[in-house]
Amino acid sequence: MKAILAHDGLVNAALALWFFALALMLSHDIMGTRTAPDSLLDAARLLSKSCVFLFYAMLAWATLIRVRPVARAAGWQPRATALLGSYLSFALPFLPTRADLGVTAHLVSAGCVLLGIGLALFILMRLRHSFSIMAEARRLVTSGPYAIIRHPLYAAEALALIGIFIQYASVPAALIVAVQLCFQVQRMRNEEAVLQRTFPEYKAYAARTARLVPGVW
């Protein structure tokens, strides 16, 4: 038991350190931004970057305070799926940004990122000790946004990803986003399987809520 707790503690610390490093990198970028934005576009960029910083900081905090899972998905597939579904979009910054984007496209991009990250922050505050990256069961959350759809955090992340994609819109970028979304769908199914095995009430909850889009799917 002590070995398991120590392993979980090391994993949580490593993940928290990763999210903290991302937040630190972004904070350097934010501090390099002019203090008085010259345009609405500059203000939108600064606001969206600040929201992403808060999101990473919240992920680090949620990782540190989360409780030990009561169940996990077995095998390598759920773990690989969770990692690719979470981090594949980190390849986008290695692609060239679109130089021909107008102000409207930049504002739509910033708006999607801002709204997606803002929703993700709100959802993370609901999850608190139940936040997971891998397919794990800690506590069944069915209130707030989880009363509407079963995976609101993934929906918020997808919205932010659309905003980021606009900056890199190209065939390679579209392929990266499409593949990541496919892994996210499988990730949802893996999580649902663990939750259904762990919580008897999950089947009734799943029957009355959509997976990602209310009234559609």
N, C-alpha and C. Protein backbone atom coordinates (compact mmCIF):
# COMPACT_ATOMS: atom_id res chain seq x y z
N MET A 1 0.83 -1.21 0.00
CA MET A 1 0.00 0.00 0.00
C MET A 1 0.87 1.27 0.00
N LYS A 2 1.93 1.27 0.84
CA LYS A 2 2.81 2.43 0.87
C LYS A 2 3.48 2.65 -0.49
N ALA A 3 3.83 1.55 -1.15
CA ALA A 3 4.47 1.67 -2.48
C ALA A 3 3.51 2.28 -3.49
N ILE A 4 2.24 1.87 -3.43
CA ILE A 4 1.23 2.41 -4.35
C ILE A 4 1.02 3.90 -4.11
N LEU A 5 0.91 4.27 -2.82
CA LEU A 5 0.71 5.68 -2.49
C LEU A 5 1.91 6.51 -2.91
N ALA A 6 3.10 5.96 -2.73
CA ALA A 6 4.31 6.68 -3.13
C ALA A 6 4.35 6.86 -4.64
N HIS A 7 3.96 5.80 -5.40
CA HIS A 7 3.92 5.88 -6.86
C HIS A 7 2.93 6.94 -7.31
N ASP A 8 1.72 6.94 -6.71
CA ASP A 8 0.71 7.94 -7.08
C ASP A 8 1.21 9.34 -6.76
N GLY A 9 1.91 9.49 -5.63
CA GLY A 9 2.44 10.80 -5.27
C GLY A 9 3.48 11.29 -6.25
N LEU A 10 4.33 10.39 -6.72
CA LEU A 10 5.35 10.76 -7.70
C LEU A 10 4.72 11.14 -9.04
N VAL A 11 3.71 10.38 -9.45
CA VAL A 11 3.01 10.68 -10.71
C VAL A 11 2.35 12.05 -10.63
N ASN A 12 1.65 12.31 -9.52
CA ASN A 12 0.98 13.60 -9.35
C ASN A 12 1.99 14.75 -9.35
N ALA A 13 3.12 14.55 -8.65
CA ALA A 13 4.14 15.58 -8.59
C ALA A 13 4.74 15.84 -9.98
N ALA A 14 4.98 14.77 -10.75
CA ALA A 14 5.55 14.93 -12.09
C ALA A 14 4.58 15.66 -13.02
N LEU A 15 3.30 15.30 -12.96
CA LEU A 15 2.31 15.97 -13.79
C LEU A 15 2.15 17.43 -13.39
N ALA A 16 2.10 17.68 -12.09
CA ALA A 16 1.97 19.06 -11.61
C ALA A 16 3.16 19.90 -12.06
N LEU A 17 4.36 19.31 -12.00
CA LEU A 17 5.57 20.01 -12.44
C LEU A 17 5.50 20.34 -13.93
N TRP A 18 4.98 19.40 -14.72
CA TRP A 18 4.82 19.62 -16.16
C TRP A 18 3.88 20.79 -16.44
N PHE A 19 2.72 20.80 -15.78
CA PHE A 19 1.77 21.89 -15.99
C PHE A 19 2.32 23.21 -15.47
N PHE A 20 3.06 23.15 -14.36
CA PHE A 20 3.67 24.37 -13.83
C PHE A 20 4.70 24.92 -14.81
N ALA A 21 5.47 24.03 -15.44
CA ALA A 21 6.47 24.47 -16.42
C ALA A 21 5.80 25.14 -17.62
N LEU A 22 4.67 24.58 -18.07
CA LEU A 22 3.94 25.20 -19.17
C LEU A 22 3.44 26.59 -18.78
N ALA A 23 2.91 26.69 -17.55
CA ALA A 23 2.43 27.99 -17.07
C ALA A 23 3.58 28.99 -16.98
N LEU A 24 4.75 28.52 -16.53
CA LEU A 24 5.91 29.40 -16.40
C LEU A 24 6.38 29.91 -17.76
N MET A 25 6.39 29.01 -18.75
CA MET A 25 6.77 29.42 -20.11
C MET A 25 5.81 30.47 -20.64
N LEU A 26 4.53 30.26 -20.39
CA LEU A 26 3.53 31.20 -20.88
C LEU A 26 3.61 32.53 -20.13
N SER A 27 3.94 32.48 -18.83
CA SER A 27 4.04 33.72 -18.07
C SER A 27 5.16 34.59 -18.61
N HIS A 28 6.25 33.96 -19.06
CA HIS A 28 7.36 34.71 -19.68
C HIS A 28 6.88 35.40 -20.94
N ASP A 29 6.05 34.70 -21.72
CA ASP A 29 5.51 35.27 -22.94
C ASP A 29 4.58 36.43 -22.61
N ILE A 30 3.77 36.28 -21.56
CA ILE A 30 2.83 37.33 -21.17
C ILE A 30 3.58 38.57 -20.70
N MET A 31 4.63 38.38 -19.90
CA MET A 31 5.40 39.52 -19.39
C MET A 31 6.11 40.26 -20.51
N GLY A 32 6.36 39.55 -21.63
CA GLY A 32 7.00 40.20 -22.76
C GLY A 32 6.03 40.98 -23.62
N THR A 33 4.73 40.82 -23.33
CA THR A 33 3.70 41.56 -24.07
C THR A 33 3.62 42.98 -23.56
N ARG A 34 3.37 43.90 -24.44
CA ARG A 34 3.28 45.31 -24.04
C ARG A 34 2.19 45.49 -22.98
N THR A 35 2.46 46.34 -22.00
CA THR A 35 1.52 46.54 -20.89
C THR A 35 0.27 47.29 -21.32
N ALA A 36 0.38 48.10 -22.36
CA ALA A 36 -0.78 48.84 -22.85
C ALA A 36 -1.05 48.41 -24.30
N PRO A 37 -1.93 47.44 -24.53
CA PRO A 37 -2.19 46.96 -25.89
C PRO A 37 -2.61 48.09 -26.81
N ASP A 38 -2.07 48.07 -28.02
CA ASP A 38 -2.35 49.13 -28.99
C ASP A 38 -3.65 48.93 -29.73
N SER A 39 -4.22 47.74 -29.69
CA SER A 39 -5.42 47.47 -30.45
C SER A 39 -6.27 46.43 -29.74
N LEU A 40 -7.48 46.26 -30.24
CA LEU A 40 -8.38 45.24 -29.71
C LEU A 40 -7.78 43.86 -29.90
N LEU A 41 -7.07 43.66 -31.00
CA LEU A 41 -6.43 42.37 -31.27
C LEU A 41 -5.35 42.07 -30.23
N ASP A 42 -4.52 43.09 -29.92
CA ASP A 42 -3.49 42.90 -28.90
C ASP A 42 -4.11 42.56 -27.55
N ALA A 43 -5.20 43.25 -27.22
CA ALA A 43 -5.88 42.99 -25.94
C ALA A 43 -6.44 41.58 -25.91
N ALA A 44 -7.03 41.13 -27.03
CA ALA A 44 -7.59 39.78 -27.10
C ALA A 44 -6.49 38.74 -26.95
N ARG A 45 -5.35 38.96 -27.58
CA ARG A 45 -4.23 38.03 -27.46
C ARG A 45 -3.74 37.95 -26.02
N LEU A 46 -3.59 39.11 -25.38
CA LEU A 46 -3.12 39.14 -24.00
C LEU A 46 -4.10 38.44 -23.07
N LEU A 47 -5.40 38.66 -23.30
CA LEU A 47 -6.42 38.04 -22.46
C LEU A 47 -6.45 36.53 -22.65
N SER A 48 -6.34 36.07 -23.90
CA SER A 48 -6.37 34.63 -24.16
C SER A 48 -5.13 33.95 -23.57
N LYS A 49 -3.96 34.59 -23.68
CA LYS A 49 -2.74 34.02 -23.10
C LYS A 49 -2.85 33.94 -21.58
N SER A 50 -3.46 34.96 -20.97
CA SER A 50 -3.63 34.96 -19.52
C SER A 50 -4.56 33.83 -19.08
N CYS A 51 -5.60 33.56 -19.87
CA CYS A 51 -6.52 32.49 -19.55
C CYS A 51 -5.84 31.12 -19.67
N VAL A 52 -5.00 30.96 -20.70
CA VAL A 52 -4.27 29.71 -20.86
C VAL A 52 -3.31 29.51 -19.69
N PHE A 53 -2.66 30.60 -19.25
CA PHE A 53 -1.79 30.52 -18.07
C PHE A 53 -2.56 30.05 -16.85
N LEU A 54 -3.74 30.63 -16.62
CA LEU A 54 -4.57 30.23 -15.48
C LEU A 54 -5.01 28.78 -15.60
N PHE A 55 -5.28 28.35 -16.83
CA PHE A 55 -5.70 26.97 -17.06
C PHE A 55 -4.58 26.00 -16.66
N TYR A 56 -3.37 26.26 -17.09
CA TYR A 56 -2.24 25.39 -16.74
C TYR A 56 -1.99 25.42 -15.23
N ALA A 57 -2.10 26.61 -14.63
CA ALA A 57 -1.91 26.70 -13.19
C ALA A 57 -2.98 25.91 -12.45
N MET A 58 -4.22 25.97 -12.93
CA MET A 58 -5.31 25.21 -12.32
C MET A 58 -5.10 23.71 -12.49
N LEU A 59 -4.58 23.29 -13.65
CA LEU A 59 -4.28 21.88 -13.86
C LEU A 59 -3.23 21.39 -12.87
N ALA A 60 -2.20 22.22 -12.65
CA ALA A 60 -1.16 21.84 -11.68
C ALA A 60 -1.76 21.70 -10.29
N TRP A 61 -2.59 22.64 -9.91
CA TRP A 61 -3.23 22.60 -8.58
C TRP A 61 -4.15 21.40 -8.46
N ALA A 62 -4.99 21.16 -9.49
CA ALA A 62 -5.93 20.04 -9.45
C ALA A 62 -5.20 18.70 -9.40
N THR A 63 -4.04 18.63 -10.06
CA THR A 63 -3.25 17.39 -10.03
C THR A 63 -2.70 17.12 -8.64
N LEU A 64 -2.26 18.17 -7.96
CA LEU A 64 -1.67 18.00 -6.64
C LEU A 64 -2.70 17.61 -5.57
N ILE A 65 -3.94 18.14 -5.68
CA ILE A 65 -4.92 17.90 -4.62
C ILE A 65 -5.83 16.72 -4.90
N ARG A 66 -5.73 16.09 -6.08
CA ARG A 66 -6.67 15.02 -6.39
C ARG A 66 -6.43 13.80 -5.49
N VAL A 67 -7.50 13.10 -5.25
CA VAL A 67 -7.42 11.92 -4.38
C VAL A 67 -6.99 10.71 -5.20
N ARG A 68 -6.59 9.66 -4.48
CA ARG A 68 -6.15 8.43 -5.14
C ARG A 68 -7.34 7.78 -5.84
N PRO A 69 -7.17 7.30 -7.08
CA PRO A 69 -8.29 6.68 -7.79
C PRO A 69 -8.71 5.37 -7.14
N VAL A 70 -10.02 5.10 -7.26
CA VAL A 70 -10.53 3.84 -6.73
C VAL A 70 -10.53 2.75 -7.80
N ALA A 71 -10.36 3.15 -9.06
CA ALA A 71 -10.29 2.19 -10.16
C ALA A 71 -9.55 2.81 -11.33
N ARG A 72 -8.90 1.93 -12.13
CA ARG A 72 -8.15 2.38 -13.30
C ARG A 72 -8.43 1.44 -14.46
N ALA A 73 -8.31 1.99 -15.69
CA ALA A 73 -8.37 1.13 -16.87
C ALA A 73 -7.08 0.34 -16.98
N ALA A 74 -7.18 -0.92 -17.35
CA ALA A 74 -6.00 -1.77 -17.46
C ALA A 74 -5.44 -1.73 -18.88
N GLY A 75 -4.15 -2.01 -19.01
CA GLY A 75 -3.53 -2.12 -20.34
C GLY A 75 -2.90 -0.82 -20.80
N TRP A 76 -2.19 -0.93 -21.93
CA TRP A 76 -1.47 0.23 -22.46
C TRP A 76 -2.35 1.13 -23.31
N GLN A 77 -3.39 0.57 -23.94
CA GLN A 77 -4.21 1.37 -24.86
C GLN A 77 -4.85 2.58 -24.20
N PRO A 78 -5.51 2.45 -23.03
CA PRO A 78 -6.10 3.63 -22.40
C PRO A 78 -5.06 4.70 -22.04
N ARG A 79 -3.87 4.27 -21.65
CA ARG A 79 -2.83 5.22 -21.28
C ARG A 79 -2.29 5.97 -22.49
N ALA A 80 -2.01 5.22 -23.57
CA ALA A 80 -1.54 5.85 -24.80
C ALA A 80 -2.60 6.78 -25.37
N THR A 81 -3.84 6.34 -25.34
CA THR A 81 -4.94 7.16 -25.85
C THR A 81 -5.07 8.46 -25.06
N ALA A 82 -4.96 8.37 -23.73
CA ALA A 82 -5.08 9.56 -22.90
C ALA A 82 -3.95 10.55 -23.19
N LEU A 83 -2.73 10.06 -23.34
CA LEU A 83 -1.60 10.94 -23.60
C LEU A 83 -1.71 11.61 -24.97
N LEU A 84 -2.05 10.83 -26.00
CA LEU A 84 -2.18 11.40 -27.35
C LEU A 84 -3.39 12.32 -27.44
N GLY A 85 -4.46 11.96 -26.77
CA GLY A 85 -5.64 12.82 -26.77
C GLY A 85 -5.41 14.12 -26.04
N SER A 86 -4.47 14.12 -25.09
CA SER A 86 -4.19 15.33 -24.31
C SER A 86 -3.13 16.22 -24.96
N TYR A 87 -2.11 15.60 -25.56
CA TYR A 87 -0.91 16.36 -25.91
C TYR A 87 -0.56 16.41 -27.38
N LEU A 88 -1.31 15.76 -28.25
CA LEU A 88 -0.95 15.75 -29.67
C LEU A 88 -0.97 17.17 -30.26
N SER A 89 -1.87 18.01 -29.78
CA SER A 89 -1.97 19.37 -30.32
C SER A 89 -0.74 20.23 -29.98
N PHE A 90 0.12 19.75 -29.05
CA PHE A 90 1.33 20.49 -28.75
C PHE A 90 2.29 20.49 -29.94
N ALA A 91 1.97 19.70 -30.97
CA ALA A 91 2.78 19.72 -32.20
C ALA A 91 2.45 20.92 -33.07
N LEU A 92 1.30 21.55 -32.85
CA LEU A 92 0.88 22.67 -33.71
C LEU A 92 1.89 23.83 -33.72
N PRO A 93 2.46 24.23 -32.57
CA PRO A 93 3.41 25.35 -32.61
C PRO A 93 4.65 25.10 -33.45
N PHE A 94 4.90 23.83 -33.84
CA PHE A 94 6.04 23.54 -34.69
C PHE A 94 5.71 23.79 -36.17
N LEU A 95 4.44 24.07 -36.46
CA LEU A 95 4.03 24.40 -37.82
C LEU A 95 4.06 25.91 -38.01
N PRO A 96 4.18 26.37 -39.25
CA PRO A 96 4.16 27.83 -39.48
C PRO A 96 2.77 28.41 -39.26
N THR A 97 2.70 29.58 -38.65
CA THR A 97 1.42 30.25 -38.46
C THR A 97 0.97 30.88 -39.78
N ARG A 98 -0.32 31.12 -39.87
CA ARG A 98 -0.86 31.75 -41.09
C ARG A 98 -0.54 33.23 -41.09
N ALA A 99 0.20 33.67 -42.10
CA ALA A 99 0.55 35.09 -42.20
C ALA A 99 -0.55 35.91 -42.84
N ASP A 100 -1.53 35.24 -43.47
CA ASP A 100 -2.56 35.95 -44.22
C ASP A 100 -3.84 36.12 -43.42
N LEU A 101 -3.83 35.83 -42.13
CA LEU A 101 -5.04 35.96 -41.34
C LEU A 101 -5.35 37.43 -41.07
N GLY A 102 -6.62 37.78 -41.21
CA GLY A 102 -7.04 39.14 -40.94
C GLY A 102 -7.39 39.34 -39.47
N VAL A 103 -7.78 40.55 -39.14
CA VAL A 103 -8.13 40.88 -37.76
C VAL A 103 -9.31 40.03 -37.28
N THR A 104 -10.30 39.82 -38.15
CA THR A 104 -11.47 39.04 -37.76
C THR A 104 -11.09 37.62 -37.37
N ALA A 105 -10.24 36.99 -38.19
CA ALA A 105 -9.81 35.63 -37.90
C ALA A 105 -9.03 35.57 -36.59
N HIS A 106 -8.17 36.55 -36.35
CA HIS A 106 -7.42 36.60 -35.10
C HIS A 106 -8.36 36.75 -33.90
N LEU A 107 -9.38 37.59 -34.05
CA LEU A 107 -10.33 37.80 -32.96
C LEU A 107 -11.17 36.55 -32.70
N VAL A 108 -11.57 35.85 -33.77
CA VAL A 108 -12.33 34.60 -33.61
C VAL A 108 -11.45 33.57 -32.90
N SER A 109 -10.18 33.50 -33.31
CA SER A 109 -9.25 32.58 -32.68
C SER A 109 -9.11 32.89 -31.19
N ALA A 110 -8.86 34.15 -30.87
CA ALA A 110 -8.71 34.54 -29.47
C ALA A 110 -10.00 34.31 -28.69
N GLY A 111 -11.14 34.56 -29.33
CA GLY A 111 -12.42 34.35 -28.66
C GLY A 111 -12.68 32.89 -28.33
N CYS A 112 -12.35 32.00 -29.27
CA CYS A 112 -12.52 30.56 -29.03
C CYS A 112 -11.61 30.08 -27.90
N VAL A 113 -10.35 30.53 -27.93
CA VAL A 113 -9.41 30.15 -26.88
C VAL A 113 -9.88 30.69 -25.53
N LEU A 114 -10.29 31.95 -25.52
CA LEU A 114 -10.73 32.57 -24.28
C LEU A 114 -11.95 31.87 -23.70
N LEU A 115 -12.96 31.61 -24.54
CA LEU A 115 -14.17 30.96 -24.07
C LEU A 115 -13.89 29.52 -23.64
N GLY A 116 -13.11 28.79 -24.46
CA GLY A 116 -12.80 27.40 -24.12
C GLY A 116 -12.04 27.28 -22.82
N ILE A 117 -11.01 28.11 -22.64
CA ILE A 117 -10.20 28.05 -21.43
C ILE A 117 -11.01 28.53 -20.23
N GLY A 118 -11.83 29.56 -20.42
CA GLY A 118 -12.68 30.04 -19.33
C GLY A 118 -13.64 28.97 -18.85
N LEU A 119 -14.27 28.27 -19.79
CA LEU A 119 -15.16 27.16 -19.42
C LEU A 119 -14.39 26.04 -18.74
N ALA A 120 -13.19 25.74 -19.25
CA ALA A 120 -12.38 24.68 -18.66
C ALA A 120 -12.01 25.00 -17.22
N LEU A 121 -11.70 26.27 -16.94
CA LEU A 121 -11.38 26.67 -15.57
C LEU A 121 -12.58 26.46 -14.66
N PHE A 122 -13.76 26.85 -15.13
CA PHE A 122 -14.98 26.67 -14.34
C PHE A 122 -15.24 25.19 -14.07
N ILE A 123 -15.05 24.36 -15.09
CA ILE A 123 -15.29 22.92 -14.95
C ILE A 123 -14.28 22.28 -14.02
N LEU A 124 -13.02 22.72 -14.11
CA LEU A 124 -11.99 22.18 -13.22
C LEU A 124 -12.31 22.49 -11.76
N MET A 125 -12.89 23.67 -11.50
CA MET A 125 -13.27 24.00 -10.14
C MET A 125 -14.38 23.07 -9.65
N ARG A 126 -15.21 22.58 -10.56
CA ARG A 126 -16.24 21.60 -10.21
C ARG A 126 -15.63 20.24 -9.93
N LEU A 127 -14.65 19.86 -10.75
CA LEU A 127 -14.02 18.54 -10.60
C LEU A 127 -13.18 18.45 -9.33
N ARG A 128 -12.39 19.49 -9.07
CA ARG A 128 -11.50 19.54 -7.92
C ARG A 128 -10.72 18.24 -7.73
N HIS A 129 -11.04 17.45 -6.71
CA HIS A 129 -10.27 16.25 -6.38
C HIS A 129 -10.46 15.11 -7.37
N SER A 130 -11.37 15.25 -8.34
CA SER A 130 -11.67 14.16 -9.26
C SER A 130 -11.00 14.30 -10.61
N PHE A 131 -10.15 15.30 -10.79
CA PHE A 131 -9.49 15.51 -12.08
C PHE A 131 -8.60 14.33 -12.44
N SER A 132 -8.68 13.88 -13.69
CA SER A 132 -7.85 12.77 -14.17
C SER A 132 -7.39 13.05 -15.59
N ILE A 133 -6.25 12.49 -15.94
CA ILE A 133 -5.79 12.47 -17.33
C ILE A 133 -5.97 11.07 -17.90
N MET A 134 -5.55 10.08 -17.15
CA MET A 134 -5.76 8.69 -17.55
C MET A 134 -7.22 8.29 -17.27
N ALA A 135 -7.61 7.12 -17.79
CA ALA A 135 -8.97 6.61 -17.54
C ALA A 135 -9.02 6.06 -16.12
N GLU A 136 -9.47 6.89 -15.17
CA GLU A 136 -9.51 6.53 -13.77
C GLU A 136 -10.83 6.98 -13.15
N ALA A 137 -11.20 6.34 -12.05
CA ALA A 137 -12.41 6.70 -11.32
C ALA A 137 -12.03 7.17 -9.94
N ARG A 138 -12.45 8.38 -9.59
CA ARG A 138 -12.21 8.90 -8.25
C ARG A 138 -13.54 9.18 -7.54
N ARG A 139 -14.33 10.06 -8.13
CA ARG A 139 -15.63 10.41 -7.58
C ARG A 139 -16.54 10.74 -8.75
N LEU A 140 -17.78 10.30 -8.71
CA LEU A 140 -18.70 10.55 -9.81
C LEU A 140 -19.31 11.94 -9.66
N VAL A 141 -19.00 12.81 -10.61
CA VAL A 141 -19.53 14.19 -10.61
C VAL A 141 -20.66 14.26 -11.63
N THR A 142 -21.86 14.63 -11.16
CA THR A 142 -23.03 14.68 -12.05
C THR A 142 -23.76 16.01 -11.97
N SER A 143 -23.21 16.98 -11.26
CA SER A 143 -23.87 18.27 -11.10
C SER A 143 -23.20 19.32 -11.97
N GLY A 144 -23.79 20.52 -12.00
CA GLY A 144 -23.23 21.61 -12.80
C GLY A 144 -23.20 21.26 -14.27
N PRO A 145 -22.09 21.53 -14.96
CA PRO A 145 -22.01 21.22 -16.40
C PRO A 145 -22.12 19.73 -16.68
N TYR A 146 -21.79 18.89 -15.68
CA TYR A 146 -21.88 17.44 -15.86
C TYR A 146 -23.32 16.94 -15.84
N ALA A 147 -24.25 17.80 -15.48
CA ALA A 147 -25.66 17.44 -15.56
C ALA A 147 -26.17 17.60 -17.00
N ILE A 148 -25.40 18.28 -17.84
CA ILE A 148 -25.81 18.53 -19.23
C ILE A 148 -25.15 17.54 -20.17
N ILE A 149 -23.82 17.40 -20.08
CA ILE A 149 -23.09 16.43 -20.89
C ILE A 149 -22.09 15.70 -19.99
N ARG A 150 -21.64 14.53 -20.43
CA ARG A 150 -20.77 13.70 -19.60
C ARG A 150 -19.30 14.13 -19.65
N HIS A 151 -18.93 14.88 -20.68
CA HIS A 151 -17.51 15.27 -20.83
C HIS A 151 -17.39 16.76 -21.15
N PRO A 152 -17.86 17.63 -20.25
CA PRO A 152 -17.80 19.08 -20.56
C PRO A 152 -16.37 19.62 -20.66
N LEU A 153 -15.44 19.03 -19.90
CA LEU A 153 -14.06 19.52 -19.97
C LEU A 153 -13.47 19.28 -21.36
N TYR A 154 -13.77 18.13 -21.96
CA TYR A 154 -13.28 17.86 -23.31
C TYR A 154 -13.93 18.78 -24.33
N ALA A 155 -15.20 19.12 -24.11
CA ALA A 155 -15.89 20.05 -25.02
C ALA A 155 -15.23 21.42 -24.96
N ALA A 156 -14.90 21.88 -23.75
CA ALA A 156 -14.23 23.17 -23.59
C ALA A 156 -12.85 23.15 -24.24
N GLU A 157 -12.11 22.06 -24.04
CA GLU A 157 -10.79 21.94 -24.64
C GLU A 157 -10.87 21.92 -26.16
N ALA A 158 -11.90 21.27 -26.71
CA ALA A 158 -12.07 21.23 -28.17
C ALA A 158 -12.32 22.62 -28.73
N LEU A 159 -13.11 23.42 -28.00
CA LEU A 159 -13.36 24.79 -28.44
C LEU A 159 -12.07 25.60 -28.45
N ALA A 160 -11.27 25.46 -27.41
CA ALA A 160 -9.98 26.17 -27.38
C ALA A 160 -9.06 25.66 -28.49
N LEU A 161 -9.10 24.37 -28.77
CA LEU A 161 -8.27 23.80 -29.82
C LEU A 161 -8.64 24.36 -31.19
N ILE A 162 -9.93 24.59 -31.41
CA ILE A 162 -10.37 25.20 -32.67
C ILE A 162 -9.76 26.59 -32.82
N GLY A 163 -9.76 27.34 -31.70
CA GLY A 163 -9.15 28.67 -31.74
C GLY A 163 -7.67 28.63 -32.06
N ILE A 164 -6.97 27.66 -31.49
CA ILE A 164 -5.54 27.52 -31.77
C ILE A 164 -5.32 27.08 -33.21
N PHE A 165 -6.18 26.18 -33.70
CA PHE A 165 -6.04 25.68 -35.07
C PHE A 165 -6.14 26.82 -36.09
N ILE A 166 -7.00 27.79 -35.83
CA ILE A 166 -7.17 28.90 -36.77
C ILE A 166 -5.83 29.58 -37.06
N GLN A 167 -4.97 29.65 -36.04
CA GLN A 167 -3.68 30.31 -36.21
C GLN A 167 -2.75 29.53 -37.14
N TYR A 168 -2.98 28.21 -37.25
CA TYR A 168 -2.08 27.34 -38.03
C TYR A 168 -2.80 26.66 -39.20
N ALA A 169 -3.99 27.12 -39.52
CA ALA A 169 -4.87 26.43 -40.47
C ALA A 169 -4.13 25.97 -41.73
N SER A 170 -4.02 24.64 -41.87
CA SER A 170 -3.36 24.02 -43.01
C SER A 170 -3.74 22.55 -43.00
N VAL A 171 -3.37 21.84 -44.05
CA VAL A 171 -3.67 20.40 -44.10
C VAL A 171 -2.96 19.64 -42.97
N PRO A 172 -1.64 19.87 -42.73
CA PRO A 172 -1.00 19.16 -41.61
C PRO A 172 -1.65 19.49 -40.26
N ALA A 173 -2.02 20.75 -40.05
CA ALA A 173 -2.66 21.13 -38.79
C ALA A 173 -4.02 20.45 -38.65
N ALA A 174 -4.76 20.37 -39.75
CA ALA A 174 -6.07 19.72 -39.72
C ALA A 174 -5.93 18.23 -39.40
N LEU A 175 -4.89 17.59 -39.93
CA LEU A 175 -4.66 16.18 -39.64
C LEU A 175 -4.34 15.97 -38.17
N ILE A 176 -3.50 16.85 -37.60
CA ILE A 176 -3.16 16.74 -36.18
C ILE A 176 -4.40 16.87 -35.31
N VAL A 177 -5.22 17.88 -35.61
CA VAL A 177 -6.43 18.11 -34.83
C VAL A 177 -7.40 16.94 -34.98
N ALA A 178 -7.57 16.44 -36.20
CA ALA A 178 -8.49 15.34 -36.43
C ALA A 178 -8.06 14.08 -35.69
N VAL A 179 -6.75 13.78 -35.73
CA VAL A 179 -6.25 12.59 -35.04
C VAL A 179 -6.41 12.75 -33.53
N GLN A 180 -6.12 13.94 -33.01
CA GLN A 180 -6.28 14.16 -31.57
C GLN A 180 -7.74 13.97 -31.16
N LEU A 181 -8.67 14.50 -31.93
CA LEU A 181 -10.09 14.36 -31.59
C LEU A 181 -10.52 12.89 -31.61
N CYS A 182 -9.96 12.12 -32.53
CA CYS A 182 -10.27 10.68 -32.57
C CYS A 182 -9.79 9.99 -31.28
N PHE A 183 -8.59 10.36 -30.83
CA PHE A 183 -8.09 9.80 -29.57
C PHE A 183 -8.94 10.27 -28.39
N GLN A 184 -9.43 11.51 -28.46
CA GLN A 184 -10.27 12.01 -27.38
C GLN A 184 -11.58 11.22 -27.28
N VAL A 185 -12.15 10.87 -28.43
CA VAL A 185 -13.39 10.08 -28.42
C VAL A 185 -13.14 8.72 -27.77
N GLN A 186 -12.04 8.06 -28.13
CA GLN A 186 -11.72 6.78 -27.51
C GLN A 186 -11.41 6.96 -26.03
N ARG A 187 -10.80 8.07 -25.68
CA ARG A 187 -10.51 8.37 -24.28
C ARG A 187 -11.81 8.48 -23.47
N MET A 188 -12.81 9.13 -24.04
CA MET A 188 -14.10 9.23 -23.38
C MET A 188 -14.69 7.84 -23.13
N ARG A 189 -14.62 6.99 -24.14
CA ARG A 189 -15.17 5.64 -24.00
C ARG A 189 -14.42 4.85 -22.92
N ASN A 190 -13.11 5.00 -22.88
CA ASN A 190 -12.33 4.31 -21.86
C ASN A 190 -12.73 4.78 -20.46
N GLU A 191 -12.91 6.08 -20.30
CA GLU A 191 -13.29 6.61 -19.00
C GLU A 191 -14.69 6.14 -18.61
N GLU A 192 -15.59 6.15 -19.58
CA GLU A 192 -16.96 5.71 -19.29
C GLU A 192 -17.00 4.25 -18.85
N ALA A 193 -16.17 3.43 -19.47
CA ALA A 193 -16.13 2.01 -19.10
C ALA A 193 -15.67 1.84 -17.65
N VAL A 194 -14.65 2.62 -17.24
CA VAL A 194 -14.17 2.54 -15.87
C VAL A 194 -15.24 3.04 -14.89
N LEU A 195 -15.86 4.15 -15.22
CA LEU A 195 -16.88 4.72 -14.33
C LEU A 195 -18.09 3.79 -14.20
N GLN A 196 -18.47 3.15 -15.30
CA GLN A 196 -19.62 2.26 -15.25
C GLN A 196 -19.33 1.02 -14.39
N ARG A 197 -18.10 0.53 -14.45
CA ARG A 197 -17.72 -0.61 -13.61
C ARG A 197 -17.65 -0.23 -12.13
N THR A 198 -17.32 1.03 -11.87
CA THR A 198 -17.06 1.45 -10.49
C THR A 198 -18.30 1.98 -9.78
N PHE A 199 -19.13 2.72 -10.51
CA PHE A 199 -20.29 3.37 -9.89
C PHE A 199 -21.58 2.80 -10.50
N PRO A 200 -22.39 2.08 -9.72
CA PRO A 200 -23.63 1.48 -10.24
C PRO A 200 -24.59 2.51 -10.81
N GLU A 201 -24.56 3.75 -10.28
CA GLU A 201 -25.49 4.78 -10.74
C GLU A 201 -25.07 5.42 -12.06
N TYR A 202 -23.89 5.06 -12.57
CA TYR A 202 -23.40 5.70 -13.79
C TYR A 202 -24.27 5.37 -15.00
N LYS A 203 -24.80 4.16 -15.06
CA LYS A 203 -25.61 3.76 -16.21
C LYS A 203 -26.83 4.65 -16.36
N ALA A 204 -27.51 4.95 -15.24
CA ALA A 204 -28.68 5.84 -15.29
C ALA A 204 -28.26 7.26 -15.66
N TYR A 205 -27.13 7.69 -15.13
CA TYR A 205 -26.63 9.03 -15.45
C TYR A 205 -26.31 9.14 -16.94
N ALA A 206 -25.65 8.12 -17.50
CA ALA A 206 -25.31 8.14 -18.93
C ALA A 206 -26.55 8.10 -19.81
N ALA A 207 -27.60 7.46 -19.33
CA ALA A 207 -28.83 7.36 -20.12
C ALA A 207 -29.55 8.70 -20.27
N ARG A 208 -29.34 9.60 -19.31
CA ARG A 208 -30.07 10.88 -19.36
C ARG A 208 -29.20 12.05 -19.83
N THR A 209 -27.93 11.80 -20.14
CA THR A 209 -27.05 12.87 -20.59
C THR A 209 -26.37 12.50 -21.91
N ALA A 210 -26.08 13.51 -22.70
CA ALA A 210 -25.32 13.30 -23.94
C ALA A 210 -23.84 13.17 -23.60
N ARG A 211 -23.09 12.57 -24.49
CA ARG A 211 -21.65 12.42 -24.25
C ARG A 211 -20.93 13.75 -24.41
N LEU A 212 -21.19 14.49 -25.51
CA LEU A 212 -20.44 15.70 -25.79
C LEU A 212 -21.31 16.86 -26.29
N VAL A 213 -22.33 16.55 -27.10
CA VAL A 213 -23.18 17.58 -27.68
C VAL A 213 -24.63 17.31 -27.28
N PRO A 214 -25.25 18.19 -26.48
CA PRO A 214 -26.61 17.95 -26.01
C PRO A 214 -27.59 17.71 -27.16
N GLY A 215 -28.36 16.63 -27.04
CA GLY A 215 -29.36 16.32 -28.04
C GLY A 215 -28.83 15.72 -29.32
N VAL A 216 -27.51 15.57 -29.43
CA VAL A 216 -26.91 15.06 -30.67
C VAL A 216 -26.13 13.77 -30.40
N TRP A 217 -25.16 13.85 -29.48
CA TRP A 217 -24.27 12.71 -29.23
C TRP A 217 -23.61 12.79 -27.87
